[in-house]
Amino acid sequence: MIQSGIHTYPNAIWWTAMQMTNIGTAYAPASTGGRVLCLGISVYAAGMFGYLTALFATFLIDRAAKTPPIDNGALNQSLQEMKEEIVQLRQLIEAPARRLPKKH
């Protein structure tokens, strides 16, 4: 059941909180002034949500920018070690096949 207006202070606080969180509520302002206030609170809440989202994204981007870069020398050494290990594994796998007699 939708109520036609806000008549108590607790209902007004509840309505404002629901408007600012963009959830909405069953209450609705009955007067023109109340509707204008509702529009202003809704626009303010949407702007604040965008601002807070941008602030959080900036924090994450700044944190990622301050992360020290990967040492390419250590990375290249690690890749070389992996390549050598792969060559050794391949030799171990192929060794039994080389001992078999060749078919003519």
Protein backbone atom coordinates (compact mmCIF):
# COMPACT_ATOMS: atom_id res chain seq x y z
CA MET A 1 0.00 0.00 0.00
CA ILE A 2 1.49 3.35 -1.03
CA GLN A 3 0.97 6.18 1.41
CA SER A 4 0.13 9.58 -0.03
CA GLY A 5 2.48 11.71 2.03
CA ILE A 6 5.10 12.06 4.73
CA HIS A 7 3.56 13.19 7.98
CA THR A 8 6.09 12.34 10.71
CA TYR A 9 9.73 13.20 11.31
CA PRO A 10 10.91 9.55 11.38
CA ASN A 11 9.16 8.93 8.05
CA ALA A 12 10.87 12.01 6.60
CA ILE A 13 14.29 10.75 7.76
CA TRP A 14 13.54 7.28 6.33
CA TRP A 15 12.37 8.78 3.04
CA THR A 16 15.51 10.97 2.76
CA ALA A 17 17.81 8.02 3.48
CA MET A 18 16.08 5.89 0.84
CA GLN A 19 16.30 8.70 -1.71
CA MET A 20 20.00 9.26 -1.03
CA THR A 21 20.82 5.58 -1.42
CA ASN A 22 18.77 5.47 -4.65
CA ILE A 23 16.69 2.63 -3.23
CA GLY A 24 13.38 4.46 -3.13
CA THR A 25 10.54 4.06 -0.68
CA ALA A 26 6.76 3.71 -0.53
CA TYR A 27 6.47 7.28 0.78
CA ALA A 28 6.03 10.17 -1.60
CA PRO A 29 5.95 13.92 -1.04
CA ALA A 30 2.48 15.36 -1.47
CA SER A 31 3.27 19.05 -2.05
CA THR A 32 5.04 20.76 -4.94
CA GLY A 33 7.78 21.97 -2.60
CA GLY A 34 8.29 18.44 -1.33
CA ARG A 35 8.56 17.11 -4.88
CA VAL A 36 11.15 19.77 -5.77
CA LEU A 37 13.09 18.83 -2.64
CA CYS A 38 12.81 15.16 -3.66
CA LEU A 39 14.23 15.94 -7.10
CA GLY A 40 17.10 17.91 -5.56
CA ILE A 41 17.97 15.14 -3.11
CA SER A 42 17.85 12.53 -5.89
CA VAL A 43 20.15 14.54 -8.18
CA TYR A 44 22.51 15.22 -5.26
CA ALA A 45 22.57 11.53 -4.31
CA ALA A 46 23.30 10.44 -7.90
CA GLY A 47 26.12 13.00 -8.13
CA MET A 48 27.60 11.89 -4.81
CA PHE A 49 27.48 8.25 -5.93
CA GLY A 50 29.40 9.17 -9.08
CA TYR A 51 31.88 11.22 -7.09
CA LEU A 52 32.53 8.45 -4.57
CA THR A 53 32.92 5.90 -7.37
CA ALA A 54 35.46 8.14 -9.14
CA LEU A 55 37.29 8.72 -5.85
CA PHE A 56 37.57 4.97 -5.26
CA ALA A 57 38.74 4.37 -8.85
CA THR A 58 41.37 7.10 -8.48
CA PHE A 59 42.61 5.46 -5.29
CA LEU A 60 42.99 2.11 -7.06
CA ILE A 61 44.70 3.63 -10.10
CA ASP A 62 47.09 5.63 -7.91
CA ARG A 63 47.91 2.52 -5.89
CA ALA A 64 48.62 0.54 -9.07
CA ALA A 65 50.83 3.35 -10.39
CA LYS A 66 52.95 3.30 -7.21
CA THR A 67 53.56 -0.46 -7.46
CA PRO A 68 57.21 -1.02 -8.35
CA PRO A 69 57.75 -2.34 -11.87
CA ILE A 70 58.82 -5.93 -12.47
CA ASP A 71 62.58 -6.39 -12.78
CA ASN A 72 63.04 -7.45 -16.41
CA GLY A 73 66.45 -8.93 -15.67
CA ALA A 74 65.02 -11.35 -13.13
CA LEU A 75 62.09 -12.10 -15.42
CA ASN A 76 64.39 -12.87 -18.35
CA GLN A 77 66.57 -15.09 -16.16
CA SER A 78 63.52 -16.98 -14.95
CA LEU A 79 62.31 -17.47 -18.55
CA GLN A 80 65.75 -18.74 -19.59
CA GLU A 81 65.77 -21.23 -16.69
CA MET A 82 62.33 -22.49 -17.73
CA LYS A 83 63.46 -22.91 -21.35
CA GLU A 84 66.49 -24.92 -20.23
CA GLU A 85 64.31 -27.14 -18.05
CA ILE A 86 61.92 -27.76 -20.95
CA VAL A 87 64.86 -28.78 -23.17
CA GLN A 88 66.06 -31.21 -20.48
CA LEU A 89 62.58 -32.68 -20.07
CA ARG A 90 62.26 -33.12 -23.84
CA GLN A 91 65.63 -34.94 -23.92
CA LEU A 92 64.50 -37.25 -21.11
CA ILE A 93 61.28 -38.04 -22.94
CA GLU A 94 62.96 -38.63 -26.30
CA ALA A 95 65.95 -40.66 -24.94
CA PRO A 96 64.15 -44.04 -24.83
CA ALA A 97 62.92 -43.58 -28.40
CA ARG A 98 66.51 -43.06 -29.62
CA ARG A 99 67.60 -46.39 -28.13
CA LEU A 100 65.06 -48.35 -30.14
CA PRO A 101 66.32 -50.00 -33.33
CA LYS A 102 65.50 -48.05 -36.48
CA LYS A 103 63.10 -49.58 -38.95
CA HIS A 104 64.22 -49.71 -42.59
